[in-house]
Structure formats: C-alpha cells, structure tokens
All heavy atoms as atom14 arrays in JSON, in Angstrom:
{
  "sequence": "PVVVTFTTGTSLPAGTVSGTVLNPGGDPSATVVALFSDLF",
  "atom14_mask": [
    [1, 1, 1, 1, 1, 1, 1, 0, 0, 0, 0, 0, 0, 0],
    [1, 1, 1, 1, 1, 1, 1, 0, 0, 0, 0, 0, 0, 0],
    [1, 1, 1, 1, 1, 1, 1, 0, 0, 0, 0, 0, 0, 0],
    [1, 1, 1, 1, 1, 1, 1, 0, 0, 0, 0, 0, 0, 0],
    [1, 1, 1, 1, 1, 1, 1, 0, 0, 0, 0, 0, 0, 0],
    [1, 1, 1, 1, 1, 1, 1, 1, 1, 1, 1, 0, 0, 0],
    [1, 1, 1, 1, 1, 1, 1, 0, 0, 0, 0, 0, 0, 0],
    [1, 1, 1, 1, 1, 1, 1, 0, 0, 0, 0, 0, 0, 0],
    [1, 1, 1, 1, 0, 0, 0, 0, 0, 0, 0, 0, 0, 0],
    [1, 1, 1, 1, 1, 1, 1, 0, 0, 0, 0, 0, 0, 0],
    [1, 1, 1, 1, 1, 1, 0, 0, 0, 0, 0, 0, 0, 0],
    [1, 1, 1, 1, 1, 1, 1, 1, 0, 0, 0, 0, 0, 0],
    [1, 1, 1, 1, 1, 1, 1, 0, 0, 0, 0, 0, 0, 0],
    [1, 1, 1, 1, 1, 0, 0, 0, 0, 0, 0, 0, 0, 0],
    [1, 1, 1, 1, 0, 0, 0, 0, 0, 0, 0, 0, 0, 0],
    [1, 1, 1, 1, 1, 1, 1, 0, 0, 0, 0, 0, 0, 0],
    [1, 1, 1, 1, 1, 1, 1, 0, 0, 0, 0, 0, 0, 0],
    [1, 1, 1, 1, 1, 1, 0, 0, 0, 0, 0, 0, 0, 0],
    [1, 1, 1, 1, 0, 0, 0, 0, 0, 0, 0, 0, 0, 0],
    [1, 1, 1, 1, 1, 1, 1, 0, 0, 0, 0, 0, 0, 0],
    [1, 1, 1, 1, 1, 1, 1, 0, 0, 0, 0, 0, 0, 0],
    [1, 1, 1, 1, 1, 1, 1, 1, 0, 0, 0, 0, 0, 0],
    [1, 1, 1, 1, 1, 1, 1, 1, 0, 0, 0, 0, 0, 0],
    [1, 1, 1, 1, 1, 1, 1, 0, 0, 0, 0, 0, 0, 0],
    [1, 1, 1, 1, 0, 0, 0, 0, 0, 0, 0, 0, 0, 0],
    [1, 1, 1, 1, 0, 0, 0, 0, 0, 0, 0, 0, 0, 0],
    [1, 1, 1, 1, 1, 1, 1, 1, 0, 0, 0, 0, 0, 0],
    [1, 1, 1, 1, 1, 1, 1, 0, 0, 0, 0, 0, 0, 0],
    [1, 1, 1, 1, 1, 1, 0, 0, 0, 0, 0, 0, 0, 0],
    [1, 1, 1, 1, 1, 0, 0, 0, 0, 0, 0, 0, 0, 0],
    [1, 1, 1, 1, 1, 1, 1, 0, 0, 0, 0, 0, 0, 0],
    [1, 1, 1, 1, 1, 1, 1, 0, 0, 0, 0, 0, 0, 0],
    [1, 1, 1, 1, 1, 1, 1, 0, 0, 0, 0, 0, 0, 0],
    [1, 1, 1, 1, 1, 0, 0, 0, 0, 0, 0, 0, 0, 0],
    [1, 1, 1, 1, 1, 1, 1, 1, 0, 0, 0, 0, 0, 0],
    [1, 1, 1, 1, 1, 1, 1, 1, 1, 1, 1, 0, 0, 0],
    [1, 1, 1, 1, 1, 1, 0, 0, 0, 0, 0, 0, 0, 0],
    [1, 1, 1, 1, 1, 1, 1, 1, 0, 0, 0, 0, 0, 0],
    [1, 1, 1, 1, 1, 1, 1, 1, 0, 0, 0, 0, 0, 0],
    [1, 1, 1, 1, 1, 1, 1, 1, 1, 1, 1, 0, 0, 0]
  ],
  "atom14_positions": [
    [[-3.36, 15.02, 7.43], [-3.26, 14.26, 8.67], [-1.83, 14.32, 9.17], [-0.9, 14.6, 8.4], [-3.65, 12.84, 8.26], [-3.4, 12.79, 6.79], [-3.6, 14.17, 6.27], [0.0, 0.0, 0.0], [0.0, 0.0, 0.0], [0.0, 0.0, 0.0], [0.0, 0.0, 0.0], [0.0, 0.0, 0.0], [0.0, 0.0, 0.0], [0.0, 0.0, 0.0]],
    [[-1.63, 14.09, 10.43], [-0.3, 14.15, 11.03], [-0.07, 12.87, 11.83], [-0.93, 12.47, 12.61], [-0.15, 15.39, 11.94], [1.18, 15.36, 12.68], [-0.28, 16.66, 11.12], [0.0, 0.0, 0.0], [0.0, 0.0, 0.0], [0.0, 0.0, 0.0], [0.0, 0.0, 0.0], [0.0, 0.0, 0.0], [0.0, 0.0, 0.0], [0.0, 0.0, 0.0]],
    [[1.08, 12.25, 11.63], [1.45, 11.04, 12.36], [2.62, 11.35, 13.27], [3.64, 11.89, 12.82], [1.8, 9.9, 11.39], [2.43, 8.72, 12.14], [0.55, 9.44, 10.64], [0.0, 0.0, 0.0], [0.0, 0.0, 0.0], [0.0, 0.0, 0.0], [0.0, 0.0, 0.0], [0.0, 0.0, 0.0], [0.0, 0.0, 0.0], [0.0, 0.0, 0.0]],
    [[2.48, 11.01, 14.54], [3.52, 11.24, 15.53], [3.83, 9.9, 16.19], [2.96, 9.3, 16.82], [3.08, 12.26, 16.59], [4.2, 12.48, 17.62], [2.69, 13.58, 15.94], [0.0, 0.0, 0.0], [0.0, 0.0, 0.0], [0.0, 0.0, 0.0], [0.0, 0.0, 0.0], [0.0, 0.0, 0.0], [0.0, 0.0, 0.0], [0.0, 0.0, 0.0]],
    [[5.06, 9.43, 16.05], [5.49, 8.19, 16.69], [6.41, 8.54, 17.85], [7.34, 9.33, 17.7], [6.21, 7.27, 15.69], [5.31, 6.95, 14.63], [6.66, 5.98, 16.36], [0.0, 0.0, 0.0], [0.0, 0.0, 0.0], [0.0, 0.0, 0.0], [0.0, 0.0, 0.0], [0.0, 0.0, 0.0], [0.0, 0.0, 0.0], [0.0, 0.0, 0.0]],
    [[6.13, 7.94, 19.0], [6.95, 8.21, 20.18], [6.95, 6.97, 21.07], [6.22, 6.0, 20.82], [6.42, 9.43, 20.95], [5.01, 9.28, 21.45], [4.75, 8.73, 22.7], [3.93, 9.67, 20.67], [3.46, 8.59, 23.16], [2.63, 9.53, 21.12], [2.39, 8.99, 22.38], [0.0, 0.0, 0.0], [0.0, 0.0, 0.0], [0.0, 0.0, 0.0]],
    [[7.76, 6.99, 22.11], [7.83, 5.83, 23.0], [7.99, 6.26, 24.44], [8.61, 7.3, 24.73], [8.99, 4.89, 22.6], [9.0, 3.75, 23.47], [10.34, 5.59, 22.69], [0.0, 0.0, 0.0], [0.0, 0.0, 0.0], [0.0, 0.0, 0.0], [0.0, 0.0, 0.0], [0.0, 0.0, 0.0], [0.0, 0.0, 0.0], [0.0, 0.0, 0.0]],
    [[7.44, 5.46, 25.33], [7.69, 5.65, 26.75], [8.99, 4.96, 27.17], [9.39, 5.06, 28.33], [6.53, 5.08, 27.58], [6.28, 3.72, 27.19], [5.26, 5.9, 27.36], [0.0, 0.0, 0.0], [0.0, 0.0, 0.0], [0.0, 0.0, 0.0], [0.0, 0.0, 0.0], [0.0, 0.0, 0.0], [0.0, 0.0, 0.0], [0.0, 0.0, 0.0]],
    [[9.61, 4.27, 26.23], [10.89, 3.61, 26.48], [12.06, 4.51, 26.13], [11.93, 5.73, 25.96], [0.0, 0.0, 0.0], [0.0, 0.0, 0.0], [0.0, 0.0, 0.0], [0.0, 0.0, 0.0], [0.0, 0.0, 0.0], [0.0, 0.0, 0.0], [0.0, 0.0, 0.0], [0.0, 0.0, 0.0], [0.0, 0.0, 0.0], [0.0, 0.0, 0.0]],
    [[13.21, 3.88, 25.97], [14.45, 4.64, 25.77], [14.84, 4.82, 24.31], [15.68, 5.66, 24.0], [15.61, 3.93, 26.49], [15.75, 2.6, 25.97], [15.35, 3.86, 27.99], [0.0, 0.0, 0.0], [0.0, 0.0, 0.0], [0.0, 0.0, 0.0], [0.0, 0.0, 0.0], [0.0, 0.0, 0.0], [0.0, 0.0, 0.0], [0.0, 0.0, 0.0]],
    [[14.24, 4.05, 23.4], [14.63, 4.16, 22.0], [13.51, 3.67, 21.1], [12.61, 2.95, 21.52], [15.91, 3.34, 21.72], [15.67, 1.96, 21.94], [0.0, 0.0, 0.0], [0.0, 0.0, 0.0], [0.0, 0.0, 0.0], [0.0, 0.0, 0.0], [0.0, 0.0, 0.0], [0.0, 0.0, 0.0], [0.0, 0.0, 0.0], [0.0, 0.0, 0.0]],
    [[13.59, 4.07, 19.82], [12.64, 3.65, 18.8], [13.36, 2.77, 17.78], [14.57, 2.91, 17.56], [12.05, 4.87, 18.09], [11.03, 5.67, 18.9], [10.83, 7.06, 18.29], [9.69, 4.94, 18.97], [0.0, 0.0, 0.0], [0.0, 0.0, 0.0], [0.0, 0.0, 0.0], [0.0, 0.0, 0.0], [0.0, 0.0, 0.0], [0.0, 0.0, 0.0]],
    [[12.63, 1.86, 17.12], [13.26, 1.04, 16.08], [13.73, 1.89, 14.91], [13.2, 2.98, 14.68], [12.16, 0.07, 15.68], [10.9, 0.73, 16.09], [11.21, 1.54, 17.3], [0.0, 0.0, 0.0], [0.0, 0.0, 0.0], [0.0, 0.0, 0.0], [0.0, 0.0, 0.0], [0.0, 0.0, 0.0], [0.0, 0.0, 0.0], [0.0, 0.0, 0.0]],
    [[14.7, 1.38, 14.17], [15.33, 2.17, 13.11], [14.89, 1.79, 11.71], [15.36, 2.37, 10.73], [16.85, 2.04, 13.21], [0.0, 0.0, 0.0], [0.0, 0.0, 0.0], [0.0, 0.0, 0.0], [0.0, 0.0, 0.0], [0.0, 0.0, 0.0], [0.0, 0.0, 0.0], [0.0, 0.0, 0.0], [0.0, 0.0, 0.0], [0.0, 0.0, 0.0]],
    [[13.98, 0.85, 11.56], [13.54, 0.43, 10.24], [12.73, 1.5, 9.53], [12.02, 2.29, 10.16], [0.0, 0.0, 0.0], [0.0, 0.0, 0.0], [0.0, 0.0, 0.0], [0.0, 0.0, 0.0], [0.0, 0.0, 0.0], [0.0, 0.0, 0.0], [0.0, 0.0, 0.0], [0.0, 0.0, 0.0], [0.0, 0.0, 0.0], [0.0, 0.0, 0.0]],
    [[12.84, 1.54, 8.18], [12.03, 2.45, 7.37], [11.48, 1.72, 6.16], [12.09, 0.79, 5.64], [12.83, 3.67, 6.88], [13.86, 3.24, 6.01], [13.43, 4.44, 8.05], [0.0, 0.0, 0.0], [0.0, 0.0, 0.0], [0.0, 0.0, 0.0], [0.0, 0.0, 0.0], [0.0, 0.0, 0.0], [0.0, 0.0, 0.0], [0.0, 0.0, 0.0]],
    [[10.3, 2.18, 5.72], [9.66, 1.65, 4.51], [9.26, 2.86, 3.67], [8.62, 3.79, 4.17], [8.43, 0.8, 4.84], [7.7, 0.39, 3.57], [8.83, -0.44, 5.66], [0.0, 0.0, 0.0], [0.0, 0.0, 0.0], [0.0, 0.0, 0.0], [0.0, 0.0, 0.0], [0.0, 0.0, 0.0], [0.0, 0.0, 0.0], [0.0, 0.0, 0.0]],
    [[9.62, 2.86, 2.39], [9.29, 3.99, 1.54], [8.79, 3.53, 0.19], [8.98, 2.38, -0.22], [10.5, 4.92, 1.36], [11.55, 4.24, 0.69], [0.0, 0.0, 0.0], [0.0, 0.0, 0.0], [0.0, 0.0, 0.0], [0.0, 0.0, 0.0], [0.0, 0.0, 0.0], [0.0, 0.0, 0.0], [0.0, 0.0, 0.0], [0.0, 0.0, 0.0]],
    [[8.13, 4.44, -0.5], [7.6, 4.13, -1.82], [6.8, 5.31, -2.34], [6.96, 6.45, -1.89], [0.0, 0.0, 0.0], [0.0, 0.0, 0.0], [0.0, 0.0, 0.0], [0.0, 0.0, 0.0], [0.0, 0.0, 0.0], [0.0, 0.0, 0.0], [0.0, 0.0, 0.0], [0.0, 0.0, 0.0], [0.0, 0.0, 0.0], [0.0, 0.0, 0.0]],
    [[5.92, 5.01, -3.28], [5.09, 6.03, -3.91], [3.64, 5.56, -3.97], [3.39, 4.39, -4.27], [5.59, 6.34, -5.34], [6.94, 6.8, -5.27], [4.74, 7.4, -6.01], [0.0, 0.0, 0.0], [0.0, 0.0, 0.0], [0.0, 0.0, 0.0], [0.0, 0.0, 0.0], [0.0, 0.0, 0.0], [0.0, 0.0, 0.0], [0.0, 0.0, 0.0]],
    [[2.73, 6.47, -3.69], [1.3, 6.2, -3.84], [0.79, 7.0, -5.03], [0.97, 8.22, -5.09], [0.51, 6.58, -2.57], [-0.99, 6.41, -2.8], [0.97, 5.74, -1.39], [0.0, 0.0, 0.0], [0.0, 0.0, 0.0], [0.0, 0.0, 0.0], [0.0, 0.0, 0.0], [0.0, 0.0, 0.0], [0.0, 0.0, 0.0], [0.0, 0.0, 0.0]],
    [[0.18, 6.31, -5.98], [-0.42, 6.96, -7.14], [-1.92, 7.12, -6.92], [-2.56, 6.27, -6.31], [-0.17, 6.13, -8.4], [1.28, 5.89, -8.79], [1.34, 4.99, -10.02], [2.01, 7.2, -9.02], [0.0, 0.0, 0.0], [0.0, 0.0, 0.0], [0.0, 0.0, 0.0], [0.0, 0.0, 0.0], [0.0, 0.0, 0.0], [0.0, 0.0, 0.0]],
    [[-2.46, 8.19, -7.46], [-3.91, 8.39, -7.47], [-4.31, 8.68, -8.9], [-4.23, 9.83, -9.37], [-4.31, 9.55, -6.56], [-5.82, 9.78, -6.55], [-6.57, 8.98, -7.11], [-6.25, 10.86, -5.93], [0.0, 0.0, 0.0], [0.0, 0.0, 0.0], [0.0, 0.0, 0.0], [0.0, 0.0, 0.0], [0.0, 0.0, 0.0], [0.0, 0.0, 0.0]],
    [[-4.74, 7.66, -9.67], [-5.09, 7.88, -11.08], [-6.17, 8.94, -11.28], [-6.26, 9.53, -12.35], [-5.57, 6.5, -11.52], [-4.88, 5.55, -10.6], [-4.84, 6.25, -9.29], [0.0, 0.0, 0.0], [0.0, 0.0, 0.0], [0.0, 0.0, 0.0], [0.0, 0.0, 0.0], [0.0, 0.0, 0.0], [0.0, 0.0, 0.0], [0.0, 0.0, 0.0]],
    [[-6.96, 9.19, -10.24], [-8.02, 10.19, -10.36], [-7.67, 11.56, -9.87], [-8.51, 12.47, -9.9], [0.0, 0.0, 0.0], [0.0, 0.0, 0.0], [0.0, 0.0, 0.0], [0.0, 0.0, 0.0], [0.0, 0.0, 0.0], [0.0, 0.0, 0.0], [0.0, 0.0, 0.0], [0.0, 0.0, 0.0], [0.0, 0.0, 0.0], [0.0, 0.0, 0.0]],
    [[-6.42, 11.77, -9.42], [-6.08, 13.09, -8.91], [-4.84, 13.08, -8.04], [-3.92, 12.29, -8.25], [0.0, 0.0, 0.0], [0.0, 0.0, 0.0], [0.0, 0.0, 0.0], [0.0, 0.0, 0.0], [0.0, 0.0, 0.0], [0.0, 0.0, 0.0], [0.0, 0.0, 0.0], [0.0, 0.0, 0.0], [0.0, 0.0, 0.0], [0.0, 0.0, 0.0]],
    [[-4.84, 13.95, -7.05], [-3.69, 14.2, -6.19], [-3.61, 13.15, -5.08], [-4.57, 12.96, -4.34], [-3.85, 15.6, -5.58], [-2.64, 16.06, -4.8], [-1.72, 15.26, -4.57], [-2.63, 17.25, -4.4], [0.0, 0.0, 0.0], [0.0, 0.0, 0.0], [0.0, 0.0, 0.0], [0.0, 0.0, 0.0], [0.0, 0.0, 0.0], [0.0, 0.0, 0.0]],
    [[-2.47, 12.47, -4.91], [-2.35, 11.49, -3.83], [-1.97, 12.09, -2.48], [-1.92, 11.36, -1.48], [-1.23, 10.57, -4.33], [-0.35, 11.49, -5.11], [-1.27, 12.48, -5.78], [0.0, 0.0, 0.0], [0.0, 0.0, 0.0], [0.0, 0.0, 0.0], [0.0, 0.0, 0.0], [0.0, 0.0, 0.0], [0.0, 0.0, 0.0], [0.0, 0.0, 0.0]],
    [[-1.69, 13.38, -2.42], [-1.26, 13.96, -1.16], [-2.36, 13.83, -0.11], [-3.54, 13.77, -0.43], [-0.86, 15.42, -1.33], [-1.96, 16.21, -1.72], [0.0, 0.0, 0.0], [0.0, 0.0, 0.0], [0.0, 0.0, 0.0], [0.0, 0.0, 0.0], [0.0, 0.0, 0.0], [0.0, 0.0, 0.0], [0.0, 0.0, 0.0], [0.0, 0.0, 0.0]],
    [[-1.96, 13.78, 1.14], [-2.83, 13.58, 2.3], [-3.34, 12.15, 2.43], [-4.21, 11.87, 3.24], [-4.0, 14.57, 2.31], [0.0, 0.0, 0.0], [0.0, 0.0, 0.0], [0.0, 0.0, 0.0], [0.0, 0.0, 0.0], [0.0, 0.0, 0.0], [0.0, 0.0, 0.0], [0.0, 0.0, 0.0], [0.0, 0.0, 0.0], [0.0, 0.0, 0.0]],
    [[-2.78, 11.24, 1.63], [-3.07, 9.82, 1.82], [-2.27, 9.31, 3.01], [-1.14, 9.73, 3.24], [-2.68, 9.03, 0.55], [-3.52, 9.44, -0.52], [-2.85, 7.54, 0.75], [0.0, 0.0, 0.0], [0.0, 0.0, 0.0], [0.0, 0.0, 0.0], [0.0, 0.0, 0.0], [0.0, 0.0, 0.0], [0.0, 0.0, 0.0], [0.0, 0.0, 0.0]],
    [[-2.86, 8.39, 3.75], [-2.19, 7.76, 4.88], [-1.7, 6.39, 4.45], [-2.44, 5.61, 3.84], [-3.15, 7.61, 6.07], [-2.49, 6.84, 7.2], [-3.61, 8.97, 6.55], [0.0, 0.0, 0.0], [0.0, 0.0, 0.0], [0.0, 0.0, 0.0], [0.0, 0.0, 0.0], [0.0, 0.0, 0.0], [0.0, 0.0, 0.0], [0.0, 0.0, 0.0]],
    [[-0.45, 6.08, 4.74], [0.11, 4.76, 4.51], [0.28, 4.08, 5.86], [0.87, 4.67, 6.78], [1.45, 4.84, 3.77], [2.07, 3.45, 3.64], [1.27, 5.47, 2.4], [0.0, 0.0, 0.0], [0.0, 0.0, 0.0], [0.0, 0.0, 0.0], [0.0, 0.0, 0.0], [0.0, 0.0, 0.0], [0.0, 0.0, 0.0], [0.0, 0.0, 0.0]],
    [[-0.25, 2.87, 5.99], [-0.22, 2.14, 7.25], [0.33, 0.74, 7.01], [0.06, 0.12, 5.98], [-1.61, 2.07, 7.86], [0.0, 0.0, 0.0], [0.0, 0.0, 0.0], [0.0, 0.0, 0.0], [0.0, 0.0, 0.0], [0.0, 0.0, 0.0], [0.0, 0.0, 0.0], [0.0, 0.0, 0.0], [0.0, 0.0, 0.0], [0.0, 0.0, 0.0]],
    [[1.09, 0.25, 7.97], [1.64, -1.09, 7.92], [0.93, -1.95, 8.95], [1.0, -1.68, 10.16], [3.14, -1.09, 8.2], [4.01, -0.19, 7.31], [5.48, -0.32, 7.72], [3.83, -0.52, 5.83], [0.0, 0.0, 0.0], [0.0, 0.0, 0.0], [0.0, 0.0, 0.0], [0.0, 0.0, 0.0], [0.0, 0.0, 0.0], [0.0, 0.0, 0.0]],
    [[0.21, -2.98, 8.47], [-0.54, -3.88, 9.34], [0.17, -5.23, 9.44], [0.56, -5.8, 8.42], [-1.94, -4.13, 8.78], [-2.87, -2.96, 8.87], [-2.85, -1.96, 7.92], [-3.79, -2.87, 9.91], [-3.72, -0.89, 7.99], [-4.65, -1.8, 10.0], [-4.63, -0.8, 9.04], [0.0, 0.0, 0.0], [0.0, 0.0, 0.0], [0.0, 0.0, 0.0]],
    [[0.28, -5.75, 10.64], [0.75, -7.13, 10.78], [-0.38, -8.11, 10.49], [-0.13, -9.26, 10.14], [1.32, -7.36, 12.18], [0.36, -7.08, 13.17], [0.0, 0.0, 0.0], [0.0, 0.0, 0.0], [0.0, 0.0, 0.0], [0.0, 0.0, 0.0], [0.0, 0.0, 0.0], [0.0, 0.0, 0.0], [0.0, 0.0, 0.0], [0.0, 0.0, 0.0]],
    [[-1.62, -7.66, 10.62], [-2.8, -8.46, 10.3], [-3.86, -7.51, 9.76], [-4.24, -6.54, 10.43], [-3.32, -9.18, 11.56], [-4.43, -10.17, 11.26], [-5.24, -9.93, 10.34], [-4.51, -11.2, 11.97], [0.0, 0.0, 0.0], [0.0, 0.0, 0.0], [0.0, 0.0, 0.0], [0.0, 0.0, 0.0], [0.0, 0.0, 0.0], [0.0, 0.0, 0.0]],
    [[-4.36, -7.78, 8.56], [-5.34, -6.88, 7.95], [-6.7, -6.92, 8.62], [-7.52, -6.03, 8.42], [-5.5, -7.23, 6.47], [-4.38, -6.79, 5.53], [-4.65, -7.32, 4.13], [-4.23, -5.29, 5.5], [0.0, 0.0, 0.0], [0.0, 0.0, 0.0], [0.0, 0.0, 0.0], [0.0, 0.0, 0.0], [0.0, 0.0, 0.0], [0.0, 0.0, 0.0]],
    [[-6.99, -7.96, 9.41], [-8.33, -8.15, 9.9], [-8.46, -8.0, 11.41], [-9.54, -8.22, 11.96], [-8.85, -9.53, 9.47], [-9.0, -9.63, 7.98], [-7.95, -10.08, 7.2], [-10.17, -9.24, 7.36], [-8.1, -10.15, 5.81], [-10.31, -9.3, 5.98], [-9.27, -9.76, 5.2], [0.0, 0.0, 0.0], [0.0, 0.0, 0.0], [0.0, 0.0, 0.0]]
  ]
}
C-alpha cells in the first residue's frame, strides 16, 4: 500500500511517530499503521 500526505495549505505539521510492528506468524511488511483520534 502507499500513503501520500499532502495539503492544500502552505505547510504540513512536523510531528512524527515511529516504532516496530511484529507479526508472530510471519512477515509484518505491507502492514498499515494508522493514528486515530477516536477508534469508533
């Protein structure tokens, strides 16, 4: 999958979040990580 972040404004926020995703059953690549302000 491919994620593209862009803005119709003049700038983007500078915050970053990083970590590691494990897949005990195999390869974690192609997993999507999403940040929700509300899960529901």
